[in-house]
Amino acid sequence: MSLIEAFNWRYATKKIDSTRKVDTAIVENIVEAARLAPTSSGLQPFQVYVITNQELKQKIVPISYGQEMPAECSHLLVFAVWDNYTDERIDHIYDITTNERNVAADRYDAYKLRLKEGFAKNTAEHNFQHAARQAYIALGFAMAEAAVNKVDTVPMEGFISAELDKLLQISEIGLKSVCMLPLGYRDAENDWLLNMKKVRHPKSEFVTYID
C-alpha cells in the first residue's frame, strides 16, 4: 500500500477495539519510524514512552478530560520533549554522532559551539517550543508507519501535560509531554466517524504554485 493509499485509509479514530492488540513487531516499527525522523541539527530533543500497563493507561483517562482512548488502545505512545537545550544534551548527541561516523573527536566542536551560543540566547520556553516542533515531525512519521500497517491512531493534545509528567515522573529528568498517540484497531461497529467522508481543503485553496 502506498503512502497516499494509507493516508486515505486512515482517519482520526474515535473508538478503538480494546480486545485487539497490535503485534509487538509492528509497534517497534512505528517507534523506529519516529526515531528515524529528521530533527533540527540532528539533536532529536525528545523521547518516546510506550505504555502498555493497563492500570497506568486507566490513570491517564481523567488526565485526558475523560477521553477513554488511552485506556482502550493497545499501546499508548507519549512524546516527551526536552524542557530546554543544554550544553550537556548537545554534547551527548554529538558524541554519539562522532562515534557512529568514526570521525575525529573535534569534528563537530565549532558547530556545537554555535548551537550552544544560539540556544543560550533564547528563553527556556522558546527552546522547549522549538524542541516540541521536532517531536511533531516524529509524530507524523509514526502515524505514517502505523497507517501503512493498517494500525489506527489519533494524535492527542487534549490532556493536562503537567499531571501526565508527574504520573510518568519525567519532570525530574527535564522532559515535558506534548502529545500522545494511541495505537490500536478501530471498533467498526461503534465508531461514528468511520464511514464519514474524509474532508480537507480543496487543492485549489491548499496549494499555491510559484513558477
Protein backbone atom coordinates (compact mmCIF):
# COMPACT_ATOMS: atom_id res chain seq x y z
CA MET A 1 0.00 0.00 0.00
CA SER A 2 1.39 3.40 -0.97
CA LEU A 3 1.55 6.25 1.50
CA ILE A 4 -1.27 8.10 -0.26
CA GLU A 5 -3.45 4.99 -0.13
CA ALA A 6 -2.59 4.59 3.54
CA PHE A 7 -3.43 8.22 4.26
CA ASN A 8 -6.79 7.85 2.55
CA TRP A 9 -7.46 4.74 4.62
CA ARG A 10 -6.58 6.31 7.98
CA TYR A 11 -8.76 8.70 9.93
CA ALA A 12 -8.82 10.13 13.44
CA THR A 13 -10.18 7.00 15.07
CA LYS A 14 -12.75 7.76 17.76
CA LYS A 15 -13.36 4.28 19.14
CA ILE A 16 -10.73 1.56 19.49
CA ASP A 17 -11.49 -2.13 19.96
CA SER A 18 -9.87 -2.80 23.33
CA THR A 19 -9.86 -6.56 22.75
CA ARG A 20 -7.40 -6.35 19.84
CA LYS A 21 -3.68 -5.85 20.40
CA VAL A 22 -1.08 -4.60 17.95
CA ASP A 23 1.76 -7.02 17.30
CA THR A 24 4.95 -6.04 19.11
CA ALA A 25 6.99 -6.08 15.90
CA ILE A 26 4.63 -3.58 14.27
CA VAL A 27 4.79 -1.30 17.32
CA GLU A 28 8.58 -1.43 17.19
CA ASN A 29 8.48 -0.37 13.53
CA ILE A 30 6.21 2.55 14.40
CA VAL A 31 8.58 3.65 17.15
CA GLU A 32 11.54 3.18 14.82
CA ALA A 33 9.88 5.43 12.26
CA ALA A 34 9.68 8.12 14.93
CA ARG A 35 13.34 7.55 15.85
CA LEU A 36 14.42 7.91 12.22
CA ALA A 37 12.55 11.19 11.71
CA PRO A 38 14.67 14.24 10.88
CA THR A 39 15.24 16.90 13.52
CA SER A 40 16.90 20.30 13.54
CA SER A 41 20.70 19.85 13.65
CA GLY A 42 20.11 16.17 14.36
CA LEU A 43 19.52 16.92 18.04
CA GLN A 44 16.46 14.66 18.44
CA PRO A 45 15.32 16.58 21.53
CA PHE A 46 12.63 14.21 22.74
CA GLN A 47 11.90 10.68 23.91
CA VAL A 48 9.03 8.30 23.26
CA TYR A 49 7.36 6.36 26.07
CA VAL A 50 5.47 3.21 25.05
CA ILE A 51 2.83 2.35 27.64
CA THR A 52 1.02 -0.99 27.79
CA ASN A 53 0.37 -1.19 31.54
CA GLN A 54 -3.42 -1.12 31.76
CA GLU A 55 -3.55 0.36 35.25
CA LEU A 56 -1.34 3.22 34.16
CA LYS A 57 -3.32 3.79 30.97
CA GLN A 58 -6.51 3.92 33.03
CA LYS A 59 -4.99 6.61 35.25
CA ILE A 60 -4.37 8.74 32.15
CA VAL A 61 -8.10 8.87 31.30
CA PRO A 62 -9.01 11.59 33.86
CA ILE A 63 -5.86 13.49 32.89
CA SER A 64 -7.23 13.37 29.33
CA TYR A 65 -10.51 15.06 30.32
CA GLY A 66 -12.32 11.73 30.45
CA GLN A 67 -11.35 10.55 26.98
CA GLU A 68 -11.27 6.75 27.00
CA MET A 69 -8.81 6.31 24.14
CA PRO A 70 -5.71 5.97 26.36
CA ALA A 71 -7.34 3.09 28.25
CA GLU A 72 -8.85 1.40 25.21
CA CYS A 73 -5.77 1.41 23.00
CA SER A 74 -3.30 -1.43 22.63
CA HIS A 75 -0.21 0.74 23.09
CA LEU A 76 -0.02 4.39 24.14
CA LEU A 77 2.89 6.44 22.84
CA VAL A 78 3.82 9.59 24.74
CA PHE A 79 6.15 12.10 23.08
CA ALA A 80 8.17 13.82 25.81
CA VAL A 81 10.32 16.81 24.89
CA TRP A 82 13.42 18.37 26.43
CA ASP A 83 12.45 21.30 28.64
CA ASN A 84 15.48 23.19 27.30
CA TYR A 85 18.61 22.77 25.21
CA THR A 86 21.70 22.38 27.37
CA ASP A 87 25.38 22.02 26.65
CA GLU A 88 25.30 18.50 28.06
CA ARG A 89 22.45 17.40 25.83
CA ILE A 90 24.08 18.86 22.74
CA ASP A 91 27.40 17.25 23.62
CA HIS A 92 25.75 13.88 24.18
CA ILE A 93 24.13 13.54 20.75
CA TYR A 94 27.29 14.75 19.02
CA ASP A 95 29.37 12.27 20.99
CA ILE A 96 27.09 9.58 19.60
CA THR A 97 27.37 11.06 16.10
CA THR A 98 31.16 11.23 16.31
CA ASN A 99 31.39 7.60 17.39
CA GLU A 100 28.87 6.30 14.86
CA ARG A 101 30.54 8.10 11.96
CA ASN A 102 34.05 7.31 13.18
CA VAL A 103 35.29 10.86 12.68
CA ALA A 104 37.82 12.95 14.60
CA ALA A 105 36.81 13.79 18.17
CA ASP A 106 36.86 17.53 17.45
CA ARG A 107 34.99 17.22 14.13
CA TYR A 108 31.86 18.98 15.41
CA ASP A 109 33.33 21.29 18.04
CA ALA A 110 32.79 24.52 16.12
CA TYR A 111 29.26 23.59 15.14
CA LYS A 112 28.37 22.55 18.69
CA LEU A 113 29.64 25.89 19.96
CA ARG A 114 27.39 27.76 17.53
CA LEU A 115 24.43 25.69 18.64
CA LYS A 116 25.12 26.26 22.32
CA GLU A 117 25.57 30.01 21.87
CA GLY A 118 22.43 30.23 19.75
CA PHE A 119 20.18 28.37 22.18
CA ALA A 120 21.66 30.22 25.17
CA LYS A 121 20.25 33.47 23.76
CA ASN A 122 16.71 32.11 23.95
CA THR A 123 14.38 31.60 26.88
CA ALA A 124 13.80 28.06 28.09
CA GLU A 125 10.19 28.30 26.86
CA HIS A 126 11.34 29.32 23.38
CA ASN A 127 13.73 26.37 23.24
CA PHE A 128 11.06 23.99 24.54
CA GLN A 129 8.68 25.09 21.80
CA HIS A 130 11.41 24.58 19.21
CA ALA A 131 12.02 21.08 20.56
CA ALA A 132 8.30 20.32 20.53
CA ARG A 133 8.13 21.10 16.82
CA GLN A 134 10.81 18.48 16.23
CA ALA A 135 8.75 15.91 18.13
CA TYR A 136 5.76 16.58 15.89
CA ILE A 137 7.81 15.65 12.84
CA ALA A 138 8.47 12.30 14.51
CA LEU A 139 4.80 12.01 15.40
CA GLY A 140 3.94 12.30 11.71
CA PHE A 141 6.46 9.62 10.79
CA ALA A 142 4.98 7.29 13.42
CA MET A 143 1.45 7.89 12.17
CA ALA A 144 2.53 7.21 8.59
CA GLU A 145 4.17 3.89 9.53
CA ALA A 146 1.07 2.94 11.51
CA ALA A 147 -1.20 3.70 8.56
CA VAL A 148 0.91 1.61 6.17
CA ASN A 149 0.44 -1.29 8.61
CA LYS A 150 -3.29 -0.53 8.97
CA VAL A 151 -2.92 0.35 12.63
CA ASP A 152 -5.28 3.07 13.74
CA THR A 153 -4.05 6.17 15.53
CA VAL A 154 -5.31 9.52 16.70
CA PRO A 155 -2.90 12.25 17.89
CA MET A 156 -3.99 13.64 21.24
CA GLU A 157 -3.13 17.02 22.72
CA GLY A 158 -6.21 17.05 24.93
CA PHE A 159 -4.60 16.23 28.24
CA ILE A 160 -3.08 18.02 31.22
CA SER A 161 0.61 17.85 30.50
CA ALA A 162 1.84 18.71 33.98
CA GLU A 163 -0.24 15.92 35.52
CA LEU A 164 0.91 13.38 32.95
CA ASP A 165 4.52 14.42 33.55
CA LYS A 166 4.02 13.87 37.27
CA LEU A 167 2.41 10.48 36.70
CA LEU A 168 5.26 9.34 34.45
CA GLN A 169 7.86 11.00 36.71
CA ILE A 170 9.56 12.73 33.81
CA SER A 171 9.74 16.30 35.09
CA GLU A 172 12.74 15.45 37.25
CA ILE A 173 14.70 14.35 34.19
CA GLY A 174 13.87 17.53 32.27
CA LEU A 175 11.10 16.27 29.99
CA LYS A 176 7.62 17.58 29.21
CA SER A 177 4.88 15.64 27.44
CA VAL A 178 3.48 17.32 24.34
CA CYS A 179 1.41 14.68 22.55
CA MET A 180 0.03 11.17 22.97
CA LEU A 181 -0.57 8.66 20.19
CA PRO A 182 -2.86 5.72 20.96
CA LEU A 183 -2.30 2.67 18.72
CA GLY A 184 -4.94 0.04 18.07
CA TYR A 185 -7.67 -1.14 15.76
CA ARG A 186 -10.91 0.66 15.05
CA ASP A 187 -14.14 -0.52 16.61
CA ALA A 188 -16.06 -0.58 13.33
CA GLU A 189 -19.46 -1.03 14.95
CA ASN A 190 -19.19 1.82 17.41
CA ASP A 191 -17.02 4.50 15.78
CA TRP A 192 -19.32 7.25 14.49
CA LEU A 193 -16.60 8.76 12.30
CA LEU A 194 -15.61 5.60 10.41
CA ASN A 195 -17.96 5.90 7.44
CA MET A 196 -17.88 9.66 7.10
CA LYS A 197 -16.12 11.12 4.08
CA LYS A 198 -12.63 12.47 4.66
CA VAL A 199 -12.77 16.25 4.23
CA ARG A 200 -9.87 18.58 3.53
CA HIS A 201 -9.48 21.99 1.93
CA PRO A 202 -9.70 21.65 -1.84
CA LYS A 203 -6.34 21.57 -3.56
CA SER A 204 -7.11 24.90 -5.24
CA GLU A 205 -7.17 26.53 -1.80
CA PHE A 206 -4.44 24.45 -0.20
CA VAL A 207 -1.64 24.73 -2.74
CA THR A 208 -0.07 27.80 -4.33
CA TYR A 209 2.35 27.13 -7.17
CA ILE A 210 5.00 29.78 -7.77
CA ASP A 211 6.81 29.32 -11.09
